[in-house]
Amino acid sequence: MKVNKKLSIITLVSAVCMSFSAWAISLDDAKNQGLVGEDSSGYLGLVVQNAEAKVVIDTINAKRKAQYLKLAQKNNLSLSQVEALAAAKTIEKTQRGHFVEVNGNWVKK
């Protein structure tokens, strides 16, 4: 993958991640309470079983997947390649004290 193409994809993934700010209040609440974290596949995961948090992550993950598919098609990449780039970016951007998945375990960043 050429550097320019990779940078372009990372920029697009960042834009996608920021586009989920409409969910910021409930997602932030879930993250602040330690219910939700960024998993290693580019999606949100449940850290603690909670029905309300599950609804939030299911909705956001469906939107993320739709955006990842668009990015994959636009850039002639596989979905898994876009998911991997998104995972790296979202974990990097995760706020200190929120959960991220590392080697299958949830840890506070």
C-alpha atoms as a PDB file:
ATOM      1  CA  MET A   1       0.000   0.000   0.000  1.00  0.00           C
ATOM      2  CA  LYS A   2       1.455   3.332  -0.959  1.00  0.00           C
ATOM      3  CA  VAL A   3       2.075   5.854   1.805  1.00  0.00           C
ATOM      4  CA  ASN A   4      -0.246   8.472   0.296  1.00  0.00           C
ATOM      5  CA  LYS A   5      -3.082   5.977  -0.024  1.00  0.00           C
ATOM      6  CA  LYS A   6      -2.543   4.792   3.562  1.00  0.00           C
ATOM      7  CA  LEU A   7      -2.514   8.364   4.865  1.00  0.00           C
ATOM      8  CA  SER A   8      -5.654   9.095   2.912  1.00  0.00           C
ATOM      9  CA  ILE A   9      -7.407   6.088   4.425  1.00  0.00           C
ATOM     10  CA  ILE A  10      -6.286   7.030   7.934  1.00  0.00           C
ATOM     11  CA  THR A  11      -7.671  10.521   7.366  1.00  0.00           C
ATOM     12  CA  LEU A  12     -10.974   9.090   6.170  1.00  0.00           C
ATOM     13  CA  VAL A  13     -11.161   6.695   9.108  1.00  0.00           C
ATOM     14  CA  SER A  14     -10.521   9.603  11.480  1.00  0.00           C
ATOM     15  CA  ALA A  15     -13.319  11.545   9.832  1.00  0.00           C
ATOM     16  CA  VAL A  16     -15.632   8.553  10.203  1.00  0.00           C
ATOM     17  CA  CYS A  17     -14.756   8.211  13.866  1.00  0.00           C
ATOM     18  CA  MET A  18     -15.428  11.877  14.466  1.00  0.00           C
ATOM     19  CA  SER A  19     -18.742  11.624  12.601  1.00  0.00           C
ATOM     20  CA  PHE A  20     -20.075   9.519  15.454  1.00  0.00           C
ATOM     21  CA  SER A  21     -20.078  12.521  17.753  1.00  0.00           C
ATOM     22  CA  ALA A  22     -23.886  12.613  17.533  1.00  0.00           C
ATOM     23  CA  TRP A  23     -23.736   9.670  19.937  1.00  0.00           C
ATOM     24  CA  ALA A  24     -21.139  11.406  22.109  1.00  0.00           C
ATOM     25  CA  ILE A  25     -23.252  11.912  25.214  1.00  0.00           C
ATOM     26  CA  SER A  26     -24.488   8.357  25.631  1.00  0.00           C
ATOM     27  CA  LEU A  27     -21.290   6.831  24.289  1.00  0.00           C
ATOM     28  CA  ASP A  28     -19.173   9.069  26.505  1.00  0.00           C
ATOM     29  CA  ASP A  29     -21.320   8.104  29.478  1.00  0.00           C
ATOM     30  CA  ALA A  30     -20.847   4.417  28.678  1.00  0.00           C
ATOM     31  CA  LYS A  31     -17.108   4.879  28.246  1.00  0.00           C
ATOM     32  CA  ASN A  32     -16.785   6.984  31.400  1.00  0.00           C
ATOM     33  CA  GLN A  33     -18.638   4.306  33.365  1.00  0.00           C
ATOM     34  CA  GLY A  34     -16.319   1.609  31.992  1.00  0.00           C
ATOM     35  CA  LEU A  35     -19.131  -0.226  30.229  1.00  0.00           C
ATOM     36  CA  VAL A  36     -17.787   0.127  26.683  1.00  0.00           C
ATOM     37  CA  GLY A  37     -14.365   0.051  25.094  1.00  0.00           C
ATOM     38  CA  GLU A  38     -12.645   0.111  21.731  1.00  0.00           C
ATOM     39  CA  ASP A  39     -11.935  -3.422  20.647  1.00  0.00           C
ATOM     40  CA  SER A  40      -9.095  -4.627  18.445  1.00  0.00           C
ATOM     41  CA  SER A  41     -11.316  -5.085  15.393  1.00  0.00           C
ATOM     42  CA  GLY A  42     -12.298  -1.444  14.848  1.00  0.00           C
ATOM     43  CA  TYR A  43     -15.585  -1.653  16.691  1.00  0.00           C
ATOM     44  CA  LEU A  44     -16.932  -0.983  20.152  1.00  0.00           C
ATOM     45  CA  GLY A  45     -17.195  -3.824  22.631  1.00  0.00           C
ATOM     46  CA  LEU A  46     -18.958  -4.403  25.916  1.00  0.00           C
ATOM     47  CA  VAL A  47     -16.579  -4.347  28.851  1.00  0.00           C
ATOM     48  CA  VAL A  48     -19.425  -4.996  31.288  1.00  0.00           C
ATOM     49  CA  GLN A  49     -22.760  -6.533  30.319  1.00  0.00           C
ATOM     50  CA  ASN A  50     -25.295  -3.724  30.191  1.00  0.00           C
ATOM     51  CA  ALA A  51     -28.425  -3.624  28.026  1.00  0.00           C
ATOM     52  CA  GLU A  52     -28.358   0.139  27.414  1.00  0.00           C
ATOM     53  CA  ALA A  53     -24.688   0.136  26.480  1.00  0.00           C
ATOM     54  CA  LYS A  54     -25.303  -2.818  24.130  1.00  0.00           C
ATOM     55  CA  VAL A  55     -27.936  -0.835  22.243  1.00  0.00           C
ATOM     56  CA  VAL A  56     -25.500   2.050  21.845  1.00  0.00           C
ATOM     57  CA  ILE A  57     -22.644  -0.097  20.602  1.00  0.00           C
ATOM     58  CA  ASP A  58     -24.852  -2.158  18.267  1.00  0.00           C
ATOM     59  CA  THR A  59     -26.119   1.026  16.636  1.00  0.00           C
ATOM     60  CA  ILE A  60     -22.695   2.622  16.367  1.00  0.00           C
ATOM     61  CA  ASN A  61     -21.027  -0.576  15.187  1.00  0.00           C
ATOM     62  CA  ALA A  62     -23.601  -0.948  12.393  1.00  0.00           C
ATOM     63  CA  LYS A  63     -22.836   2.594  11.248  1.00  0.00           C
ATOM     64  CA  ARG A  64     -19.108   2.011  11.528  1.00  0.00           C
ATOM     65  CA  LYS A  65     -19.346  -1.148   9.432  1.00  0.00           C
ATOM     66  CA  ALA A  66     -21.316   0.663   6.747  1.00  0.00           C
ATOM     67  CA  GLN A  67     -18.671   3.406   6.625  1.00  0.00           C
ATOM     68  CA  TYR A  68     -15.821   0.886   6.632  1.00  0.00           C
ATOM     69  CA  LEU A  69     -17.424  -0.924   3.681  1.00  0.00           C
ATOM     70  CA  LYS A  70     -17.684   2.336   1.767  1.00  0.00           C
ATOM     71  CA  LEU A  71     -14.040   3.141   2.504  1.00  0.00           C
ATOM     72  CA  ALA A  72     -12.969  -0.353   1.490  1.00  0.00           C
ATOM     73  CA  GLN A  73     -14.802  -0.139  -1.822  1.00  0.00           C
ATOM     74  CA  LYS A  74     -13.608   3.379  -2.522  1.00  0.00           C
ATOM     75  CA  ASN A  75      -9.968   2.468  -1.860  1.00  0.00           C
ATOM     76  CA  ASN A  76     -10.041  -1.067  -3.278  1.00  0.00           C
ATOM     77  CA  LEU A  77      -9.239  -2.621   0.093  1.00  0.00           C
ATOM     78  CA  SER A  78     -10.757  -5.467   2.037  1.00  0.00           C
ATOM     79  CA  LEU A  79     -13.095  -4.781   4.920  1.00  0.00           C
ATOM     80  CA  SER A  80     -10.568  -6.360   7.286  1.00  0.00           C
ATOM     81  CA  GLN A  81      -7.845  -3.963   6.112  1.00  0.00           C
ATOM     82  CA  VAL A  82     -10.058  -0.952   6.837  1.00  0.00           C
ATOM     83  CA  GLU A  83     -11.137  -2.444  10.170  1.00  0.00           C
ATOM     84  CA  ALA A  84      -7.485  -2.922  11.162  1.00  0.00           C
ATOM     85  CA  LEU A  85      -6.645   0.688  10.277  1.00  0.00           C
ATOM     86  CA  ALA A  86      -9.710   1.907  12.158  1.00  0.00           C
ATOM     87  CA  ALA A  87      -8.844  -0.202  15.215  1.00  0.00           C
ATOM     88  CA  ALA A  88      -5.337   1.234  15.362  1.00  0.00           C
ATOM     89  CA  LYS A  89      -6.651   4.769  15.006  1.00  0.00           C
ATOM     90  CA  THR A  90      -9.509   4.480  17.505  1.00  0.00           C
ATOM     91  CA  ILE A  91      -7.328   2.782  20.105  1.00  0.00           C
ATOM     92  CA  GLU A  92      -4.693   5.471  19.611  1.00  0.00           C
ATOM     93  CA  LYS A  93      -7.333   8.176  20.085  1.00  0.00           C
ATOM     94  CA  THR A  94      -8.979   6.547  23.092  1.00  0.00           C
ATOM     95  CA  GLN A  95      -8.956   8.793  26.094  1.00  0.00           C
ATOM     96  CA  ARG A  96      -6.790   7.854  29.055  1.00  0.00           C
ATOM     97  CA  GLY A  97      -8.820   5.912  31.615  1.00  0.00           C
ATOM     98  CA  HIS A  98     -11.150   4.385  29.012  1.00  0.00           C
ATOM     99  CA  PHE A  99     -10.992   0.719  28.073  1.00  0.00           C
ATOM    100  CA  VAL A 100      -9.259  -0.762  25.038  1.00  0.00           C
ATOM    101  CA  GLU A 101      -8.894  -4.396  24.082  1.00  0.00           C
ATOM    102  CA  VAL A 102      -5.327  -5.696  24.178  1.00  0.00           C
ATOM    103  CA  ASN A 103      -4.641  -9.356  23.360  1.00  0.00           C
ATOM    104  CA  GLY A 104      -8.258 -10.253  24.064  1.00  0.00           C
ATOM    105  CA  ASN A 105      -8.407  -8.498  27.424  1.00  0.00           C
ATOM    106  CA  TRP A 106      -9.940  -5.177  28.391  1.00  0.00           C
ATOM    107  CA  VAL A 107      -7.421  -2.794  29.926  1.00  0.00           C
ATOM    108  CA  LYS A 108      -7.620   0.847  30.923  1.00  0.00           C
ATOM    109  CA  LYS A 109      -5.545   3.042  28.690  1.00  0.00           C
END
